[in-house]
C-alpha cells in the first residue's frame, strides 16, 4: 500500500456521546439565549443538513442554528465562535494515535482523512494537532456529499495522488463507509469504534471483512500484509 485514508470520528478521535452532545447544546443555548432542549433538538433534527453540504461554512451553520432557535442575528458571531471552540475540542487525538500516524508517515505512506463532518469541524481543522500529521482531509460539509457517495472516495484518492488499489481505507463503519471504499476499488479494514459504548453513530452496516482493535494496530497490520 502507498496510502491510508482514515475516517475521523470513532476512528482517530472518540465519537461523541449523547451526554457530550447535551453539554454542547447547553453551552450554545447560553450564548444563543434559548433553552438547552431547543439546541439539542436542533442537533437531532439537522444531521443531514449539517453534514451534506447544505451548510458548508461556519457562518452558514451558526446562522441556520440561530434562525432555528428564533433568536436575533446579532448572536450569530458569538455562536460561530462557540461552534469553532466545540470543533477544536473534538479534534484532540490520543498520543498513541499520533504515534501511529507518525509511524505510517515514516514509512513513506500518504495519509488522508475522509469524514462526514459539519462546518465547525472543517473550520477548526487547520489548528488541530491532526492536521500536521496528514497530507489531506476531505469533509462532507464542504465536499457536498455523504458517505458512501463515490464522489467522496474519488476526491480523497485524487488529493492523495494514489491509485485506489494502492490505498487502504480504515474506519469504524459508520455511514457504510467500508463498503463504499471497496466499491471505489480500495482495500478496507474496520476498527472497533473509538469511544464509549453509547457513542453517537450513523449508518452502521454489517461488515464481514478484517477488523482491528484500533488505529494503533494499522502499522503492524500493513507490515503483515506485505
Protein backbone atom coordinates (compact mmCIF):
# COMPACT_ATOMS: atom_id res chain seq x y z
CA UNK A 1 0.00 0.00 0.00
CA UNK A 2 1.08 3.56 -0.72
CA UNK A 3 -1.63 5.45 1.18
CA UNK A 4 -4.08 5.12 4.05
CA UNK A 5 -7.37 7.04 4.21
CA UNK A 6 -8.87 7.27 7.68
CA UNK A 7 -12.32 8.04 8.96
CA UNK A 8 -12.23 10.63 11.75
CA UNK A 9 -14.88 10.23 14.47
CA UNK A 10 -14.88 6.88 16.19
CA UNK A 11 -11.62 6.08 14.40
CA UNK A 12 -8.91 8.69 15.06
CA UNK A 13 -10.81 10.57 17.76
CA UNK A 14 -13.63 9.43 20.00
CA UNK A 15 -17.19 9.58 18.75
CA UNK A 16 -19.36 11.93 20.85
CA UNK A 17 -21.80 10.56 23.40
CA UNK A 18 -25.39 11.79 23.88
CA UNK A 19 -24.24 13.37 27.15
CA UNK A 20 -21.49 15.30 25.37
CA UNK A 21 -23.96 16.46 22.77
CA UNK A 22 -26.26 17.73 25.52
CA UNK A 23 -23.38 19.59 27.19
CA UNK A 24 -22.51 21.18 23.86
CA UNK A 25 -26.16 22.14 23.40
CA UNK A 26 -26.23 23.71 26.86
CA UNK A 27 -23.21 25.89 26.14
CA UNK A 28 -24.62 27.01 22.81
CA UNK A 29 -28.02 27.68 24.33
CA UNK A 30 -26.42 30.05 26.85
CA UNK A 31 -24.84 32.02 24.01
CA UNK A 32 -27.99 31.99 21.86
CA UNK A 33 -30.34 32.81 24.72
CA UNK A 34 -32.66 29.82 24.44
CA UNK A 35 -33.29 26.54 26.22
CA UNK A 36 -30.90 23.61 26.01
CA UNK A 37 -33.69 21.41 24.67
CA UNK A 38 -34.08 23.69 21.65
CA UNK A 39 -30.44 23.26 20.62
CA UNK A 40 -30.38 19.57 21.49
CA UNK A 41 -33.40 19.01 19.27
CA UNK A 42 -31.72 21.04 16.52
CA UNK A 43 -28.73 18.68 16.62
CA UNK A 44 -31.04 15.67 16.42
CA UNK A 45 -33.13 17.00 13.53
CA UNK A 46 -30.45 18.50 11.28
CA UNK A 47 -27.72 15.87 10.96
CA UNK A 48 -28.05 15.59 7.19
CA UNK A 49 -28.27 19.32 6.55
CA UNK A 50 -25.24 19.95 8.75
CA UNK A 51 -23.15 17.28 7.04
CA UNK A 52 -24.25 17.05 3.39
CA UNK A 53 -23.07 20.42 2.07
CA UNK A 54 -26.24 22.40 2.74
CA UNK A 55 -24.36 24.37 5.43
CA UNK A 56 -20.76 24.39 4.22
CA UNK A 57 -19.33 27.26 6.29
CA UNK A 58 -19.24 28.10 9.98
CA UNK A 59 -21.26 31.24 9.30
CA UNK A 60 -23.88 29.22 7.42
CA UNK A 61 -24.18 26.80 10.32
CA UNK A 62 -24.36 29.48 13.01
CA UNK A 63 -26.97 31.43 11.04
CA UNK A 64 -29.08 28.31 10.49
CA UNK A 65 -28.96 27.43 14.20
CA UNK A 66 -29.82 30.95 15.37
CA UNK A 67 -32.74 31.21 12.97
CA UNK A 68 -33.98 27.76 14.04
CA UNK A 69 -33.95 28.99 17.64
CA UNK A 70 -35.79 32.16 16.55
CA UNK A 71 -33.15 34.43 18.07
CA UNK A 72 -31.74 37.76 16.82
CA UNK A 73 -28.99 37.94 14.22
CA UNK A 74 -26.50 39.71 16.50
CA UNK A 75 -25.75 36.43 18.28
CA UNK A 76 -24.59 34.71 15.08
CA UNK A 77 -20.96 35.78 15.54
CA UNK A 78 -20.69 34.58 19.14
CA UNK A 79 -22.45 31.32 18.20
CA UNK A 80 -19.94 30.77 15.39
CA UNK A 81 -17.10 31.31 17.88
CA UNK A 82 -18.65 28.80 20.27
CA UNK A 83 -19.12 26.26 17.50
CA UNK A 84 -15.48 26.62 16.44
CA UNK A 85 -14.37 26.02 20.05
CA UNK A 86 -16.51 22.89 20.20
CA UNK A 87 -14.94 21.69 16.97
CA UNK A 88 -11.43 22.27 18.29
CA UNK A 89 -12.22 20.31 21.47
CA UNK A 90 -13.34 17.31 19.42
CA UNK A 91 -10.17 17.15 17.33
CA UNK A 92 -7.64 16.22 20.02
CA UNK A 93 -6.13 12.76 19.36
CA UNK A 94 -4.67 10.38 21.92
CA UNK A 95 -0.85 10.28 21.97
CA UNK A 96 -0.98 6.68 20.74
CA UNK A 97 -2.90 7.79 17.65
CA UNK A 98 -0.31 10.48 16.95
CA UNK A 99 2.42 7.86 17.22
CA UNK A 100 0.60 5.52 14.83
CA UNK A 101 0.21 8.24 12.20
CA UNK A 102 3.84 9.26 12.58
CA UNK A 103 4.83 5.62 12.14
CA UNK A 104 2.90 5.37 8.87
CA UNK A 105 4.37 8.61 7.57
CA UNK A 106 7.88 7.43 8.44
CA UNK A 107 7.30 4.51 6.08
CA UNK A 108 6.56 6.92 3.24
CA UNK A 109 2.79 6.38 3.12
CA UNK A 110 0.45 9.20 2.15
CA UNK A 111 -2.20 9.82 4.83
CA UNK A 112 -5.70 11.24 4.30
CA UNK A 113 -8.88 11.90 6.26
CA UNK A 114 -12.33 11.29 4.80
CA UNK A 115 -15.06 12.28 7.23
CA UNK A 116 -18.74 13.04 7.39
CA UNK A 117 -18.33 16.29 9.30
CA UNK A 118 -20.15 19.56 9.89
CA UNK A 119 -18.79 23.06 9.37
CA UNK A 120 -17.36 23.61 12.85
CA UNK A 121 -15.05 20.64 12.29
CA UNK A 122 -13.86 21.91 8.91
CA UNK A 123 -13.31 25.37 10.41
CA UNK A 124 -11.36 24.02 13.40
CA UNK A 125 -9.32 21.53 11.38
CA UNK A 126 -6.32 23.73 10.39
CA UNK A 127 -5.37 24.20 14.06
CA UNK A 128 -5.98 20.57 15.02
CA UNK A 129 -2.95 18.51 16.07
CA UNK A 130 -4.07 16.01 13.43
CA UNK A 131 -3.77 18.47 10.56
CA UNK A 132 0.02 18.42 10.64
CA UNK A 133 0.07 14.62 10.58
CA UNK A 134 -1.87 14.05 7.37
CA UNK A 135 -1.48 15.08 3.75
CA UNK A 136 -5.10 15.98 3.04
CA UNK A 137 -8.58 15.99 4.58
CA UNK A 138 -11.95 15.80 2.85
CA UNK A 139 -15.03 16.81 4.84
CA UNK A 140 -18.57 16.07 3.67
CA UNK A 141 -19.90 19.55 4.53
CA UNK A 142 -17.54 21.18 2.03
CA UNK A 143 -17.44 18.30 -0.48
CA UNK A 144 -21.24 18.28 -0.73
CA UNK A 145 -21.86 14.56 -0.28
CA UNK A 146 -22.21 11.94 2.44
CA UNK A 147 -20.59 8.51 2.70
CA UNK A 148 -20.75 6.19 0.85
CA UNK A 149 -21.12 8.58 -2.12
CA UNK A 150 -18.48 7.59 -4.72
CA UNK A 151 -17.56 11.25 -5.22
CA UNK A 152 -16.01 11.39 -1.76
CA UNK A 153 -13.74 8.42 -2.44
CA UNK A 154 -12.73 9.83 -5.81
CA UNK A 155 -11.93 13.13 -4.13
CA UNK A 156 -9.70 11.66 -1.42
CA UNK A 157 -7.89 9.48 -3.95
CA UNK A 158 -7.28 12.49 -6.21
CA UNK A 159 -5.93 14.52 -3.32
CA UNK A 160 -3.73 11.68 -2.12
CA UNK A 161 -2.48 11.12 -5.68
CA UNK A 162 -2.51 7.35 -5.17
CA UNK A 163 -4.48 4.73 -7.16
CA UNK A 164 -7.40 3.09 -5.38
CA UNK A 165 -5.83 -0.36 -5.40
CA UNK A 166 -2.79 1.03 -3.54
CA UNK A 167 -4.90 2.71 -0.85
CA UNK A 168 -6.25 1.24 2.40
CA UNK A 169 -9.40 2.71 3.94
CA UNK A 170 -9.72 2.49 7.74
CA UNK A 171 -12.89 3.32 9.68
CA UNK A 172 -15.34 2.24 12.35
CA UNK A 173 -18.01 1.56 9.73
CA UNK A 174 -20.42 4.45 10.19
CA UNK A 175 -22.12 5.71 7.04
CA UNK A 176 -21.50 2.39 5.26
CA UNK A 177 -18.03 3.79 4.62
CA UNK A 178 -16.21 0.47 4.35
CA UNK A 179 -18.41 -0.88 1.57
CA UNK A 180 -18.11 2.50 -0.13
CA UNK A 181 -14.33 2.15 -0.06
CA UNK A 182 -14.49 -1.34 -1.56
CA UNK A 183 -16.82 -0.11 -4.30
CA UNK A 184 -14.24 2.58 -5.08
CA UNK A 185 -11.58 -0.09 -5.56
CA UNK A 186 -9.79 0.45 -2.27
CA UNK A 187 -8.89 -2.14 0.33
CA UNK A 188 -10.73 -1.67 3.62
CA UNK A 189 -10.36 -2.65 7.25
CA UNK A 190 -12.63 -1.86 10.17
CA UNK A 191 -11.53 -0.67 13.58
CA UNK A 192 -13.63 -1.00 16.69
CA UNK A 193 -15.34 2.28 17.44
CA UNK A 194 -13.21 4.62 19.50
CA UNK A 195 -15.20 5.89 22.46
CA UNK A 196 -17.78 4.58 24.92
CA UNK A 197 -20.43 2.06 24.01
CA UNK A 198 -23.16 4.73 23.79
CA UNK A 199 -21.22 6.92 21.34
CA UNK A 200 -23.34 8.50 18.63
CA UNK A 201 -23.04 6.78 15.23
CA UNK A 202 -24.96 6.91 11.96
CA UNK A 203 -25.44 4.40 9.17
CA UNK A 204 -23.79 1.31 10.62
CA UNK A 205 -23.97 -1.76 8.35
CA UNK A 206 -22.76 -5.32 8.69
CA UNK A 207 -19.09 -5.85 7.89
CA UNK A 208 -17.53 -9.25 7.29
CA UNK A 209 -14.04 -8.10 6.39
CA UNK A 210 -10.97 -7.69 8.63
CA UNK A 211 -11.41 -5.89 11.97
CA UNK A 212 -8.67 -4.32 14.11
CA UNK A 213 -8.93 -3.23 17.72
CA UNK A 214 -7.93 0.38 16.93
CA UNK A 215 -5.94 2.55 14.52
CA UNK A 216 -2.86 1.85 16.63
CA UNK A 217 -2.95 -1.62 15.05
CA UNK A 218 -2.81 -0.33 11.47
CA UNK A 219 1.01 -0.07 11.15
CA UNK A 220 1.61 -3.72 12.17
CA UNK A 221 -1.38 -4.82 10.06
CA UNK A 222 0.17 -3.25 6.97
CA UNK A 223 3.50 -4.89 7.77
CA UNK A 224 1.78 -8.27 7.95
CA UNK A 225 0.13 -7.72 4.56
CA UNK A 226 3.46 -7.41 2.75
